[in-house]
Amino acid sequence: MPRPTPMSRCDFTVHRRLQTRWSDNDAYGHMNNTVHYQLFDTVINHWLMEQGLLDFRQGEIVGLVVETGCSYFAELAFPQEIIAGIAVEKIGKSSVTYRIALFGQGETAAAQGRFTHVYVDRVSRRPVSFPQNWRDALLELQL
């Protein structure tokens, strides 16, 4: 599989500022690869909550991660402010694939990845179709 090309900030419709933490660095002095996934999850779920879509405490539907991946292009480390870019790559009946990138000082991604959520009924854990307000909001993020 060919190595992906780093995306740029203009490839994303939503941007959020994030601050790295002391505990994000590993023994090599840069942000540990697992932290990138934590930031992806955080920035997506925060956007969903901002839109009034996700109520992780009492909402009827919740997103379960079924696939994720990340490509790394440059180091990030504490103390550093980073920008997360969010976009939607694909919308299905009950699933969505998000494209996320983390940017340091430059215009190209230090890391970029994807996260696929399948949205399910909170109780039965069976996939559910997106309500129209979810679909409308997700379409605004589509690449």
Protein backbone atom coordinates (compact mmCIF):
# COMPACT_ATOMS: atom_id res chain seq x y z
CA MET A 1 0.00 0.00 0.00
CA PRO A 2 1.48 3.41 -0.95
CA ARG A 3 2.27 5.85 1.83
CA PRO A 4 -0.37 8.59 2.06
CA THR A 5 0.50 12.20 1.39
CA PRO A 6 0.02 14.56 4.33
CA MET A 7 -3.12 16.63 4.03
CA SER A 8 -3.15 20.37 4.67
CA ARG A 9 -5.29 22.49 6.98
CA CYS A 10 -7.45 23.67 4.09
CA ASP A 11 -8.56 20.06 3.51
CA PHE A 12 -10.68 20.23 6.68
CA THR A 13 -13.86 22.15 7.36
CA VAL A 14 -13.59 22.19 11.16
CA HIS A 15 -10.51 22.99 13.24
CA ARG A 16 -10.05 22.73 17.00
CA ARG A 17 -7.14 23.83 19.20
CA LEU A 18 -5.73 21.19 21.53
CA GLN A 19 -2.98 21.42 24.11
CA THR A 20 -0.57 18.55 24.58
CA ARG A 21 -0.07 17.34 28.14
CA TRP A 22 2.99 16.37 30.14
CA SER A 23 1.90 12.73 30.10
CA ASP A 24 1.60 12.66 26.29
CA ASN A 25 5.36 12.32 25.76
CA ASP A 26 6.96 8.90 25.79
CA ALA A 27 10.51 7.82 26.62
CA TYR A 28 11.67 9.06 23.19
CA GLY A 29 10.59 12.63 23.97
CA HIS A 30 7.68 12.88 21.56
CA MET A 31 3.94 12.25 21.75
CA ASN A 32 3.27 8.54 22.05
CA ASN A 33 1.35 7.06 19.10
CA THR A 34 -1.57 6.01 21.31
CA VAL A 35 -2.22 9.64 22.22
CA HIS A 36 -3.03 10.47 18.61
CA TYR A 37 -5.98 8.06 18.77
CA GLN A 38 -7.16 9.56 22.05
CA LEU A 39 -7.11 13.01 20.46
CA PHE A 40 -8.99 11.75 17.39
CA ASP A 41 -11.70 10.29 19.62
CA THR A 42 -11.86 13.43 21.77
CA VAL A 43 -12.13 15.91 18.92
CA ILE A 44 -14.82 13.92 17.09
CA ASN A 45 -16.97 13.37 20.16
CA HIS A 46 -16.56 16.99 21.24
CA TRP A 47 -17.75 18.17 17.81
CA LEU A 48 -20.76 15.82 18.00
CA MET A 49 -21.64 17.22 21.43
CA GLU A 50 -21.25 20.82 20.18
CA GLN A 51 -23.76 20.02 17.44
CA GLY A 52 -26.24 18.69 20.00
CA LEU A 53 -26.03 15.22 18.47
CA LEU A 54 -24.20 13.11 21.03
CA ASP A 55 -25.49 12.75 24.57
CA PHE A 56 -23.06 10.16 25.90
CA ARG A 57 -24.90 9.90 29.22
CA GLN A 58 -28.51 9.45 28.13
CA GLY A 59 -28.73 9.58 24.33
CA GLU A 60 -30.54 6.83 22.48
CA ILE A 61 -27.68 6.22 20.05
CA VAL A 62 -23.94 5.88 20.60
CA GLY A 63 -21.02 5.43 18.23
CA LEU A 64 -18.80 2.37 18.44
CA VAL A 65 -15.38 2.45 16.81
CA VAL A 66 -15.09 -0.36 14.25
CA GLU A 67 -11.99 0.76 12.36
CA THR A 68 -9.20 3.24 12.89
CA GLY A 69 -5.81 4.04 11.44
CA CYS A 70 -3.11 6.69 11.53
CA SER A 71 -0.13 7.79 9.45
CA TYR A 72 2.64 9.80 11.09
CA PHE A 73 4.65 12.44 9.26
CA ALA A 74 6.25 14.65 11.93
CA GLU A 75 6.73 14.57 15.68
CA LEU A 76 4.44 16.33 18.12
CA ALA A 77 5.39 16.80 21.77
CA PHE A 78 4.62 18.52 25.04
CA PRO A 79 4.54 21.47 25.43
CA GLN A 80 2.89 22.20 22.12
CA GLU A 81 -0.44 23.55 20.97
CA ILE A 82 -1.79 21.56 18.06
CA ILE A 83 -4.70 22.03 15.69
CA ALA A 84 -7.01 19.14 14.89
CA GLY A 85 -8.79 19.14 11.54
CA ILE A 86 -12.00 17.14 11.15
CA ALA A 87 -13.86 16.08 8.02
CA VAL A 88 -16.22 13.30 6.98
CA GLU A 89 -14.95 10.91 4.35
CA LYS A 90 -18.01 8.67 3.98
CA ILE A 91 -21.53 8.49 5.37
CA GLY A 92 -23.43 5.23 5.36
CA LYS A 93 -26.84 4.27 6.69
CA SER A 94 -25.59 3.85 10.25
CA SER A 95 -21.85 4.47 9.95
CA VAL A 96 -19.54 7.36 9.28
CA THR A 97 -15.85 7.50 8.50
CA TYR A 98 -14.16 10.60 9.85
CA ARG A 99 -10.85 11.95 8.57
CA ILE A 100 -8.79 13.64 11.26
CA ALA A 101 -5.41 15.38 11.14
CA LEU A 102 -3.19 16.84 13.82
CA PHE A 103 -1.13 19.86 12.87
CA GLY A 104 1.87 21.36 14.63
CA GLN A 105 3.26 24.68 13.41
CA GLY A 106 3.10 23.83 9.71
CA GLU A 107 0.32 23.71 7.17
CA THR A 108 0.68 19.97 6.53
CA ALA A 109 -0.44 17.24 8.90
CA ALA A 110 2.00 15.88 11.45
CA ALA A 111 -0.36 12.89 11.70
CA GLN A 112 -3.60 12.01 9.97
CA GLY A 113 -5.99 9.20 10.37
CA ARG A 114 -9.47 7.87 10.08
CA PHE A 115 -12.06 6.70 12.54
CA THR A 116 -15.15 4.74 11.55
CA HIS A 117 -18.06 4.76 13.96
CA VAL A 118 -21.12 2.55 13.66
CA TYR A 119 -24.02 4.15 15.49
CA VAL A 120 -26.08 1.76 17.53
CA ASP A 121 -29.01 1.74 19.89
CA ARG A 122 -27.64 2.28 23.40
CA VAL A 123 -29.54 -0.71 24.85
CA SER A 124 -29.68 -3.31 22.07
CA ARG A 125 -26.31 -2.37 20.53
CA ARG A 126 -27.87 -2.94 17.09
CA PRO A 127 -27.06 -0.46 14.27
CA VAL A 128 -29.57 2.35 13.75
CA SER A 129 -30.10 4.69 10.81
CA PHE A 130 -28.99 8.26 11.34
CA PRO A 131 -31.73 10.69 12.28
CA GLN A 132 -32.02 13.51 9.73
CA ASN A 133 -30.37 16.10 12.01
CA TRP A 134 -27.31 13.83 12.32
CA ARG A 135 -27.14 13.31 8.56
CA ASP A 136 -27.45 17.07 7.92
CA ALA A 137 -24.63 17.91 10.34
CA LEU A 138 -22.36 15.16 8.98
CA LEU A 139 -22.94 16.30 5.39
CA GLU A 140 -21.56 19.73 6.35
CA LEU A 141 -18.25 18.04 7.22
CA GLN A 142 -18.05 15.87 4.12
CA LEU A 143 -14.83 16.14 2.10
